[in-house]
Structure formats: C-alpha cells, structure tokens
N, C-alpha and C. Protein backbone atom coordinates (compact mmCIF):
# COMPACT_ATOMS: atom_id res chain seq x y z
N MET A 1 146.46 165.80 -80.80
CA MET A 1 146.17 165.68 -79.37
C MET A 1 145.67 164.27 -79.07
N LEU A 2 145.89 163.86 -77.84
CA LEU A 2 145.36 162.57 -77.44
C LEU A 2 144.63 162.74 -76.11
N THR A 3 143.62 161.93 -75.92
CA THR A 3 142.88 161.96 -74.67
C THR A 3 143.14 160.67 -73.92
N VAL A 4 143.55 160.80 -72.67
CA VAL A 4 143.82 159.64 -71.85
C VAL A 4 142.80 159.61 -70.72
N THR A 5 142.11 158.50 -70.58
CA THR A 5 141.10 158.43 -69.54
C THR A 5 141.71 158.05 -68.20
N GLU A 6 142.52 156.99 -68.20
CA GLU A 6 143.20 156.64 -66.96
C GLU A 6 144.34 155.68 -67.25
N HIS A 7 145.28 155.63 -66.33
CA HIS A 7 146.38 154.70 -66.44
C HIS A 7 146.93 154.47 -65.05
N ARG A 8 147.70 153.43 -64.92
CA ARG A 8 148.25 153.10 -63.61
C ARG A 8 149.52 153.90 -63.35
N PHE A 9 149.64 154.35 -62.12
CA PHE A 9 150.81 155.13 -61.72
C PHE A 9 151.87 154.19 -61.14
N ASP A 10 153.05 154.24 -61.70
CA ASP A 10 154.14 153.39 -61.24
C ASP A 10 154.85 154.06 -60.07
N LYS A 11 154.62 153.56 -58.88
CA LYS A 11 155.19 154.16 -57.68
C LYS A 11 156.72 154.10 -57.68
N ASN A 12 157.27 153.20 -58.47
CA ASN A 12 158.73 153.09 -58.53
C ASN A 12 159.36 154.22 -59.33
N ILE A 13 158.56 154.88 -60.14
CA ILE A 13 159.06 156.01 -60.93
C ILE A 13 158.15 157.19 -60.67
N GLU A 14 158.38 157.85 -59.56
CA GLU A 14 157.47 158.88 -59.09
C GLU A 14 157.41 160.09 -60.01
N SER A 15 158.45 160.31 -60.79
CA SER A 15 158.50 161.52 -61.61
C SER A 15 157.81 161.36 -62.95
N ASN A 16 157.39 160.14 -63.26
CA ASN A 16 156.77 159.92 -64.56
C ASN A 16 155.43 159.20 -64.44
N TYR A 17 154.57 159.50 -65.38
CA TYR A 17 153.34 158.74 -65.54
C TYR A 17 153.51 157.87 -66.77
N TYR A 18 152.91 156.71 -66.73
CA TYR A 18 152.90 155.88 -67.92
C TYR A 18 151.52 155.97 -68.54
N ILE A 19 151.48 156.50 -69.73
CA ILE A 19 150.21 156.70 -70.41
C ILE A 19 150.08 155.69 -71.53
N GLN A 20 148.96 155.04 -71.57
CA GLN A 20 148.73 154.06 -72.60
C GLN A 20 147.67 154.58 -73.56
N TRP A 21 148.02 154.62 -74.83
CA TRP A 21 147.03 154.99 -75.83
C TRP A 21 147.39 154.33 -77.14
N SER A 22 146.43 153.96 -77.90
CA SER A 22 146.64 153.30 -79.19
C SER A 22 147.58 152.11 -79.05
N GLY A 23 147.51 151.44 -77.92
CA GLY A 23 148.33 150.27 -77.70
C GLY A 23 149.79 150.58 -77.41
N LEU A 24 150.11 151.86 -77.20
CA LEU A 24 151.48 152.26 -76.94
C LEU A 24 151.61 152.84 -75.55
N ASN A 25 152.83 152.80 -75.02
CA ASN A 25 153.11 153.42 -73.72
C ASN A 25 154.05 154.58 -73.91
N ALA A 26 153.81 155.64 -73.18
CA ALA A 26 154.69 156.80 -73.28
C ALA A 26 154.89 157.41 -71.91
N LYS A 27 156.09 157.93 -71.68
CA LYS A 27 156.37 158.60 -70.42
C LYS A 27 156.01 160.07 -70.55
N VAL A 28 155.33 160.58 -69.56
CA VAL A 28 155.00 162.00 -69.53
C VAL A 28 155.48 162.56 -68.20
N ASN A 29 156.21 163.64 -68.26
CA ASN A 29 156.73 164.22 -67.03
C ASN A 29 155.60 164.68 -66.13
N GLN A 30 155.68 164.34 -64.87
CA GLN A 30 154.62 164.64 -63.91
C GLN A 30 154.32 166.13 -63.84
N ARG A 31 155.36 166.94 -63.97
CA ARG A 31 155.17 168.38 -63.86
C ARG A 31 154.36 168.94 -65.02
N LEU A 32 154.38 168.26 -66.16
CA LEU A 32 153.62 168.71 -67.31
C LEU A 32 152.15 168.33 -67.20
N THR A 33 151.87 167.27 -66.45
CA THR A 33 150.50 166.76 -66.40
C THR A 33 149.83 166.96 -65.05
N LYS A 34 150.58 167.48 -64.10
CA LYS A 34 150.09 167.56 -62.72
C LYS A 34 148.74 168.26 -62.62
N ARG A 35 148.60 169.38 -63.32
CA ARG A 35 147.37 170.15 -63.20
C ARG A 35 146.19 169.47 -63.88
N PHE A 36 146.48 168.45 -64.70
CA PHE A 36 145.41 167.75 -65.41
C PHE A 36 145.04 166.44 -64.72
N THR A 37 145.73 166.12 -63.62
CA THR A 37 145.58 164.79 -63.06
C THR A 37 145.09 164.78 -61.63
N THR A 38 144.52 163.67 -61.27
CA THR A 38 144.23 163.38 -59.87
C THR A 38 144.71 161.96 -59.60
N ILE A 39 145.28 161.76 -58.43
CA ILE A 39 145.81 160.45 -58.11
C ILE A 39 145.02 159.86 -56.95
N SER A 40 144.56 158.63 -57.12
CA SER A 40 143.82 157.95 -56.07
C SER A 40 144.17 156.47 -56.09
N ARG A 41 144.64 155.97 -54.96
CA ARG A 41 144.98 154.56 -54.82
C ARG A 41 145.95 154.08 -55.89
N GLY A 42 146.90 154.93 -56.26
CA GLY A 42 147.89 154.53 -57.24
C GLY A 42 147.38 154.54 -58.67
N VAL A 43 146.17 155.05 -58.87
CA VAL A 43 145.62 155.16 -60.22
C VAL A 43 145.54 156.63 -60.59
N CYS A 44 146.08 156.97 -61.72
CA CYS A 44 146.09 158.35 -62.16
C CYS A 44 145.07 158.55 -63.27
N THR A 45 144.22 159.53 -63.11
CA THR A 45 143.22 159.82 -64.12
C THR A 45 143.50 161.19 -64.72
N ILE A 46 143.66 161.23 -66.02
CA ILE A 46 143.91 162.50 -66.70
C ILE A 46 142.62 162.99 -67.33
N HIS A 47 142.23 164.20 -66.97
CA HIS A 47 140.95 164.74 -67.39
C HIS A 47 141.04 165.62 -68.63
N SER A 48 142.26 165.95 -69.01
CA SER A 48 142.43 166.90 -70.09
C SER A 48 143.20 166.30 -71.25
N LYS A 49 143.06 166.90 -72.41
CA LYS A 49 143.81 166.45 -73.58
C LYS A 49 145.25 166.92 -73.47
N ILE A 50 146.16 166.09 -73.98
CA ILE A 50 147.57 166.43 -73.98
C ILE A 50 148.02 166.60 -75.41
N ILE A 51 148.65 167.72 -75.69
CA ILE A 51 149.14 167.95 -77.05
C ILE A 51 150.49 167.26 -77.22
C-alpha cells in the first residue's frame, strides 16, 4: 500500500489523477479514488491508503 498526502490535479486530464510517490508518477483512475479524495483549487488531497 502507499499513502499519498497530496498532488496536483491536471485539469487537462479530468479522468485521471497524477500521484507522486517515491519519486515516481502514476495515473490513478478518478473513479477508483473519488471517495478518498477532495479537490480544492485544482489540488487533490488523498486521505486514504491505496492498495
């Protein structure tokens, strides 16, 4: 599992979040993370661990 504190939301790709961890970037489908996230001013904060 990985814990993501926050990452920037790319408005050009509304269906994906870009998550940065361990120096890497990964795409996560918005529908999989929606319930774990809150979006404010284009910044997405994930409060839960993602398996």
